[in-house]
Amino acid sequence: MALSGTCKFLIGVAVGAAAVTLVRTQAFRKGCAKVMSAGLQLKEDASEFVESLKEDAEDIKAEATAKAKA
């Protein structure tokens, strides 16, 4: 059963109004803040991990260079 264009439009308007109402709720905003906080923490943790790997690689390279010269 296919929906007419008018029916699709009205469904779209209803869904849009429901979305706007949801976005304005305090619970939604708190949830978004928690998700953003977790995402930023994950980014920070990943940056620290990559920096640690970089330092380890530099140490290994320095040791290999020192052994090669010896």
PDB file of N, CA and C in Angstrom:
ATOM      1  N   MET A   1       0.845  -1.174   0.000  1.00  0.00           N
ATOM      2  CA  MET A   1       0.000   0.000   0.000  1.00  0.00           C
ATOM      3  C   MET A   1       0.891   1.237   0.000  1.00  0.00           C
ATOM      4  N   ALA A   2       0.781   2.072  -0.992  1.00  0.00           N
ATOM      5  CA  ALA A   2       1.591   3.276  -1.128  1.00  0.00           C
ATOM      6  C   ALA A   2       0.882   4.460  -0.472  1.00  0.00           C
ATOM      7  N   LEU A   3       1.670   5.309   0.160  1.00  0.00           N
ATOM      8  CA  LEU A   3       1.122   6.501   0.792  1.00  0.00           C
ATOM      9  C   LEU A   3       1.124   7.643  -0.202  1.00  0.00           C
ATOM     10  N   SER A   4       0.119   8.504  -0.112  1.00  0.00           N
ATOM     11  CA  SER A   4       0.062   9.655  -1.008  1.00  0.00           C
ATOM     12  C   SER A   4       1.068  10.707  -0.548  1.00  0.00           C
ATOM     13  N   GLY A   5       1.314  11.666  -1.412  1.00  0.00           N
ATOM     14  CA  GLY A   5       2.267  12.731  -1.103  1.00  0.00           C
ATOM     15  C   GLY A   5       1.837  13.544   0.098  1.00  0.00           C
ATOM     16  N   THR A   6       0.561  13.815   0.205  1.00  0.00           N
ATOM     17  CA  THR A   6       0.043  14.601   1.335  1.00  0.00           C
ATOM     18  C   THR A   6       0.234  13.843   2.640  1.00  0.00           C
ATOM     19  N   CYS A   7      -0.022  12.562   2.621  1.00  0.00           N
ATOM     20  CA  CYS A   7       0.125  11.741   3.818  1.00  0.00           C
ATOM     21  C   CYS A   7       1.594  11.689   4.242  1.00  0.00           C
ATOM     22  N   LYS A   8       2.488  11.553   3.286  1.00  0.00           N
ATOM     23  CA  LYS A   8       3.918  11.547   3.589  1.00  0.00           C
ATOM     24  C   LYS A   8       4.351  12.876   4.191  1.00  0.00           C
ATOM     25  N   PHE A   9       3.827  13.959   3.655  1.00  0.00           N
ATOM     26  CA  PHE A   9       4.156  15.291   4.167  1.00  0.00           C
ATOM     27  C   PHE A   9       3.689  15.439   5.609  1.00  0.00           C
ATOM     28  N   LEU A  10       2.464  15.027   5.889  1.00  0.00           N
ATOM     29  CA  LEU A  10       1.926  15.143   7.243  1.00  0.00           C
ATOM     30  C   LEU A  10       2.709  14.278   8.235  1.00  0.00           C
ATOM     31  N   ILE A  11       3.117  13.109   7.801  1.00  0.00           N
ATOM     32  CA  ILE A  11       3.948  12.254   8.655  1.00  0.00           C
ATOM     33  C   ILE A  11       5.287  12.940   8.926  1.00  0.00           C
ATOM     34  N   GLY A  12       5.858  13.542   7.914  1.00  0.00           N
ATOM     35  CA  GLY A  12       7.120  14.268   8.068  1.00  0.00           C
ATOM     36  C   GLY A  12       6.999  15.432   9.044  1.00  0.00           C
ATOM     37  N   VAL A  13       5.896  16.168   8.949  1.00  0.00           N
ATOM     38  CA  VAL A  13       5.660  17.287   9.862  1.00  0.00           C
ATOM     39  C   VAL A  13       5.534  16.770  11.296  1.00  0.00           C
ATOM     40  N   ALA A  14       4.810  15.688  11.489  1.00  0.00           N
ATOM     41  CA  ALA A  14       4.622  15.121  12.824  1.00  0.00           C
ATOM     42  C   ALA A  14       5.955  14.639  13.404  1.00  0.00           C
ATOM     43  N   VAL A  15       6.744  13.964  12.590  1.00  0.00           N
ATOM     44  CA  VAL A  15       8.050  13.472  13.048  1.00  0.00           C
ATOM     45  C   VAL A  15       8.969  14.652  13.371  1.00  0.00           C
ATOM     46  N   GLY A  16       8.945  15.672  12.545  1.00  0.00           N
ATOM     47  CA  GLY A  16       9.757  16.861  12.793  1.00  0.00           C
ATOM     48  C   GLY A  16       9.370  17.549  14.091  1.00  0.00           C
ATOM     49  N   ALA A  17       8.083  17.678  14.332  1.00  0.00           N
ATOM     50  CA  ALA A  17       7.610  18.305  15.575  1.00  0.00           C
ATOM     51  C   ALA A  17       8.013  17.469  16.786  1.00  0.00           C
ATOM     52  N   ALA A  18       7.922  16.160  16.661  1.00  0.00           N
ATOM     53  CA  ALA A  18       8.325  15.284  17.766  1.00  0.00           C
ATOM     54  C   ALA A  18       9.827  15.410  18.021  1.00  0.00           C
ATOM     55  N   ALA A  19      10.611  15.514  16.968  1.00  0.00           N
ATOM     56  CA  ALA A  19      12.059  15.652  17.123  1.00  0.00           C
ATOM     57  C   ALA A  19      12.418  16.959  17.821  1.00  0.00           C
ATOM     58  N   VAL A  20      11.762  18.036  17.441  1.00  0.00           N
ATOM     59  CA  VAL A  20      12.022  19.333  18.073  1.00  0.00           C
ATOM     60  C   VAL A  20      11.666  19.279  19.551  1.00  0.00           C
ATOM     61  N   THR A  21      10.549  18.650  19.865  1.00  0.00           N
ATOM     62  CA  THR A  21      10.127  18.514  21.263  1.00  0.00           C
ATOM     63  C   THR A  21      11.144  17.687  22.047  1.00  0.00           C
ATOM     64  N   LEU A  22      11.627  16.620  21.461  1.00  0.00           N
ATOM     65  CA  LEU A  22      12.617  15.762  22.119  1.00  0.00           C
ATOM     66  C   LEU A  22      13.913  16.507  22.373  1.00  0.00           C
ATOM     67  N   VAL A  23      14.387  17.258  21.382  1.00  0.00           N
ATOM     68  CA  VAL A  23      15.656  17.973  21.494  1.00  0.00           C
ATOM     69  C   VAL A  23      15.593  19.020  22.602  1.00  0.00           C
ATOM     70  N   ARG A  24      14.453  19.559  22.860  1.00  0.00           N
ATOM     71  CA  ARG A  24      14.314  20.611  23.875  1.00  0.00           C
ATOM     72  C   ARG A  24      14.226  20.067  25.299  1.00  0.00           C
ATOM     73  N   THR A  25      14.141  18.764  25.471  1.00  0.00           N
ATOM     74  CA  THR A  25      14.022  18.209  26.823  1.00  0.00           C
ATOM     75  C   THR A  25      15.370  18.221  27.529  1.00  0.00           C
ATOM     76  N   GLN A  26      15.318  18.361  28.842  1.00  0.00           N
ATOM     77  CA  GLN A  26      16.531  18.388  29.657  1.00  0.00           C
ATOM     78  C   GLN A  26      17.246  17.038  29.633  1.00  0.00           C
ATOM     79  N   ALA A  27      16.484  15.957  29.628  1.00  0.00           N
ATOM     80  CA  ALA A  27      17.081  14.621  29.610  1.00  0.00           C
ATOM     81  C   ALA A  27      17.891  14.401  28.333  1.00  0.00           C
ATOM     82  N   PHE A  28      17.375  14.873  27.203  1.00  0.00           N
ATOM     83  CA  PHE A  28      18.082  14.735  25.929  1.00  0.00           C
ATOM     84  C   PHE A  28      19.389  15.518  25.970  1.00  0.00           C
ATOM     85  N   ARG A  29      19.324  16.723  26.507  1.00  0.00           N
ATOM     86  CA  ARG A  29      20.526  17.555  26.582  1.00  0.00           C
ATOM     87  C   ARG A  29      21.571  16.922  27.498  1.00  0.00           C
ATOM     88  N   LYS A  30      21.140  16.382  28.625  1.00  0.00           N
ATOM     89  CA  LYS A  30      22.075  15.709  29.528  1.00  0.00           C
ATOM     90  C   LYS A  30      22.703  14.495  28.846  1.00  0.00           C
ATOM     91  N   GLY A  31      21.881  13.754  28.107  1.00  0.00           N
ATOM     92  CA  GLY A  31      22.391  12.596  27.382  1.00  0.00           C
ATOM     93  C   GLY A  31      23.425  12.999  26.341  1.00  0.00           C
ATOM     94  N   CYS A  32      23.150  14.065  25.608  1.00  0.00           N
ATOM     95  CA  CYS A  32      24.105  14.555  24.605  1.00  0.00           C
ATOM     96  C   CYS A  32      25.403  15.009  25.271  1.00  0.00           C
ATOM     97  N   ALA A  33      25.278  15.666  26.420  1.00  0.00           N
ATOM     98  CA  ALA A  33      26.476  16.127  27.131  1.00  0.00           C
ATOM     99  C   ALA A  33      27.320  14.935  27.578  1.00  0.00           C
ATOM    100  N   LYS A  34      26.679  13.873  28.046  1.00  0.00           N
ATOM    101  CA  LYS A  34      27.423  12.679  28.466  1.00  0.00           C
ATOM    102  C   LYS A  34      28.130  12.031  27.284  1.00  0.00           C
ATOM    103  N   VAL A  35      27.437  11.951  26.147  1.00  0.00           N
ATOM    104  CA  VAL A  35      28.030  11.341  24.953  1.00  0.00           C
ATOM    105  C   VAL A  35      29.223  12.171  24.477  1.00  0.00           C
ATOM    106  N   MET A  36      29.065  13.491  24.463  1.00  0.00           N
ATOM    107  CA  MET A  36      30.167  14.359  24.036  1.00  0.00           C
ATOM    108  C   MET A  36      31.346  14.245  24.992  1.00  0.00           C
ATOM    109  N   SER A  37      31.066  14.203  26.278  1.00  0.00           N
ATOM    110  CA  SER A  37      32.129  14.062  27.273  1.00  0.00           C
ATOM    111  C   SER A  37      32.881  12.753  27.081  1.00  0.00           C
ATOM    112  N   ALA A  38      32.147  11.680  26.885  1.00  0.00           N
ATOM    113  CA  ALA A  38      32.784  10.379  26.668  1.00  0.00           C
ATOM    114  C   ALA A  38      33.614  10.391  25.384  1.00  0.00           C
ATOM    115  N   GLY A  39      33.112  11.027  24.354  1.00  0.00           N
ATOM    116  CA  GLY A  39      33.856  11.116  23.097  1.00  0.00           C
ATOM    117  C   GLY A  39      35.148  11.902  23.243  1.00  0.00           C
ATOM    118  N   LEU A  40      35.089  13.006  23.962  1.00  0.00           N
ATOM    119  CA  LEU A  40      36.296  13.804  24.180  1.00  0.00           C
ATOM    120  C   LEU A  40      37.307  13.057  25.045  1.00  0.00           C
ATOM    121  N   GLN A  41      36.820  12.312  26.032  1.00  0.00           N
ATOM    122  CA  GLN A  41      37.719  11.513  26.870  1.00  0.00           C
ATOM    123  C   GLN A  41      38.387  10.419  26.037  1.00  0.00           C
ATOM    124  N   LEU A  42      37.619   9.800  25.154  1.00  0.00           N
ATOM    125  CA  LEU A  42      38.170   8.769  24.273  1.00  0.00           C
ATOM    126  C   LEU A  42      39.245   9.360  23.367  1.00  0.00           C
ATOM    127  N   LYS A  43      38.997  10.545  22.833  1.00  0.00           N
ATOM    128  CA  LYS A  43      39.978  11.213  21.986  1.00  0.00           C
ATOM    129  C   LYS A  43      41.253  11.509  22.765  1.00  0.00           C
ATOM    130  N   GLU A  44      41.100  11.982  23.992  1.00  0.00           N
ATOM    131  CA  GLU A  44      42.268  12.284  24.827  1.00  0.00           C
ATOM    132  C   GLU A  44      43.058  11.019  25.141  1.00  0.00           C
ATOM    133  N   ASP A  45      42.357   9.953  25.478  1.00  0.00           N
ATOM    134  CA  ASP A  45      43.026   8.678  25.770  1.00  0.00           C
ATOM    135  C   ASP A  45      43.771   8.154  24.545  1.00  0.00           C
ATOM    136  N   ALA A  46      43.145   8.275  23.387  1.00  0.00           N
ATOM    137  CA  ALA A  46      43.787   7.810  22.155  1.00  0.00           C
ATOM    138  C   ALA A  46      45.034   8.638  21.854  1.00  0.00           C
ATOM    139  N   SER A  47      44.962   9.944  22.079  1.00  0.00           N
ATOM    140  CA  SER A  47      46.121  10.804  21.843  1.00  0.00           C
ATOM    141  C   SER A  47      47.272  10.438  22.775  1.00  0.00           C
ATOM    142  N   GLU A  48      46.961  10.166  24.031  1.00  0.00           N
ATOM    143  CA  GLU A  48      47.996   9.758  24.985  1.00  0.00           C
ATOM    144  C   GLU A  48      48.618   8.429  24.580  1.00  0.00           C
ATOM    145  N   PHE A  49      47.795   7.494  24.113  1.00  0.00           N
ATOM    146  CA  PHE A  49      48.288   6.187  23.684  1.00  0.00           C
ATOM    147  C   PHE A  49      49.225   6.329  22.487  1.00  0.00           C
ATOM    148  N   VAL A  50      48.825   7.142  21.510  1.00  0.00           N
ATOM    149  CA  VAL A  50      49.651   7.342  20.316  1.00  0.00           C
ATOM    150  C   VAL A  50      50.966   8.014  20.706  1.00  0.00           C
ATOM    151  N   GLU A  51      50.907   8.981  21.616  1.00  0.00           N
ATOM    152  CA  GLU A  51      52.128   9.649  22.062  1.00  0.00           C
ATOM    153  C   GLU A  51      53.062   8.654  22.755  1.00  0.00           C
ATOM    154  N   SER A  52      52.493   7.758  23.548  1.00  0.00           N
ATOM    155  CA  SER A  52      53.290   6.726  24.216  1.00  0.00           C
ATOM    156  C   SER A  52      53.960   5.806  23.198  1.00  0.00           C
ATOM    157  N   LEU A  53      53.208   5.404  22.187  1.00  0.00           N
ATOM    158  CA  LEU A  53      53.782   4.555  21.132  1.00  0.00           C
ATOM    159  C   LEU A  53      54.911   5.278  20.402  1.00  0.00           C
ATOM    160  N   LYS A  54      54.709   6.560  20.145  1.00  0.00           N
ATOM    161  CA  LYS A  54      55.725   7.345  19.452  1.00  0.00           C
ATOM    162  C   LYS A  54      57.014   7.413  20.282  1.00  0.00           C
ATOM    163  N   GLU A  55      56.861   7.656  21.580  1.00  0.00           N
ATOM    164  CA  GLU A  55      58.040   7.713  22.453  1.00  0.00           C
ATOM    165  C   GLU A  55      58.750   6.368  22.504  1.00  0.00           C
ATOM    166  N   ASP A  56      57.992   5.279  22.574  1.00  0.00           N
ATOM    167  CA  ASP A  56      58.607   3.945  22.585  1.00  0.00           C
ATOM    168  C   ASP A  56      59.361   3.677  21.289  1.00  0.00           C
ATOM    169  N   ALA A  57      58.777   4.071  20.171  1.00  0.00           N
ATOM    170  CA  ALA A  57      59.435   3.865  18.876  1.00  0.00           C
ATOM    171  C   ALA A  57      60.721   4.682  18.794  1.00  0.00           C
ATOM    172  N   GLU A  58      60.688   5.907  19.311  1.00  0.00           N
ATOM    173  CA  GLU A  58      61.903   6.728  19.305  1.00  0.00           C
ATOM    174  C   GLU A  58      62.993   6.106  20.182  1.00  0.00           C
ATOM    175  N   ASP A  59      62.597   5.545  21.331  1.00  0.00           N
ATOM    176  CA  ASP A  59      63.565   4.872  22.213  1.00  0.00           C
ATOM    177  C   ASP A  59      64.182   3.669  21.518  1.00  0.00           C
ATOM    178  N   ILE A  60      63.366   2.876  20.859  1.00  0.00           N
ATOM    179  CA  ILE A  60      63.861   1.690  20.147  1.00  0.00           C
ATOM    180  C   ILE A  60      64.822   2.102  19.040  1.00  0.00           C
ATOM    181  N   LYS A  61      64.474   3.163  18.326  1.00  0.00           N
ATOM    182  CA  LYS A  61      65.341   3.648  17.257  1.00  0.00           C
ATOM    183  C   LYS A  61      66.674   4.127  17.817  1.00  0.00           C
ATOM    184  N   ALA A  62      66.639   4.852  18.939  1.00  0.00           N
ATOM    185  CA  ALA A  62      67.878   5.353  19.554  1.00  0.00           C
ATOM    186  C   ALA A  62      68.750   4.197  20.026  1.00  0.00           C
ATOM    187  N   GLU A  63      68.149   3.168  20.607  1.00  0.00           N
ATOM    188  CA  GLU A  63      68.906   1.989  21.056  1.00  0.00           C
ATOM    189  C   GLU A  63      69.533   1.261  19.873  1.00  0.00           C
ATOM    190  N   ALA A  64      68.771   1.143  18.794  1.00  0.00           N
ATOM    191  CA  ALA A  64      69.293   0.457  17.608  1.00  0.00           C
ATOM    192  C   ALA A  64      70.450   1.248  17.002  1.00  0.00           C
ATOM    193  N   THR A  65      70.317   2.548  16.984  1.00  0.00           N
ATOM    194  CA  THR A  65      71.397   3.397  16.453  1.00  0.00           C
ATOM    195  C   THR A  65      72.644   3.287  17.313  1.00  0.00           C
ATOM    196  N   ALA A  66      72.451   3.270  18.629  1.00  0.00           N
ATOM    197  CA  ALA A  66      73.595   3.150  19.545  1.00  0.00           C
ATOM    198  C   ALA A  66      74.287   1.802  19.378  1.00  0.00           C
ATOM    199  N   LYS A  67      73.493   0.733  19.195  1.00  0.00           N
ATOM    200  CA  LYS A  67      74.091  -0.596  18.996  1.00  0.00           C
ATOM    201  C   LYS A  67      74.832  -0.668  17.673  1.00  0.00           C
ATOM    202  N   ALA A  68      74.295  -0.012  16.668  1.00  0.00           N
ATOM    203  CA  ALA A  68      74.937  -0.031  15.340  1.00  0.00           C
ATOM    204  C   ALA A  68      76.281   0.691  15.360  1.00  0.00           C
ATOM    205  N   LYS A  69      76.368   1.747  16.152  1.00  0.00           N
ATOM    206  CA  LYS A  69      77.620   2.506  16.249  1.00  0.00           C
ATOM    207  C   LYS A  69      78.653   1.761  17.100  1.00  0.00           C
ATOM    208  N   ALA A  70      78.179   0.925  17.993  1.00  0.00           N
ATOM    209  CA  ALA A  70      79.113   0.218  18.896  1.00  0.00           C
ATOM    210  C   ALA A  70      79.782  -0.962  18.235  1.00  0.00           C
TER     211      ALA A  70
END
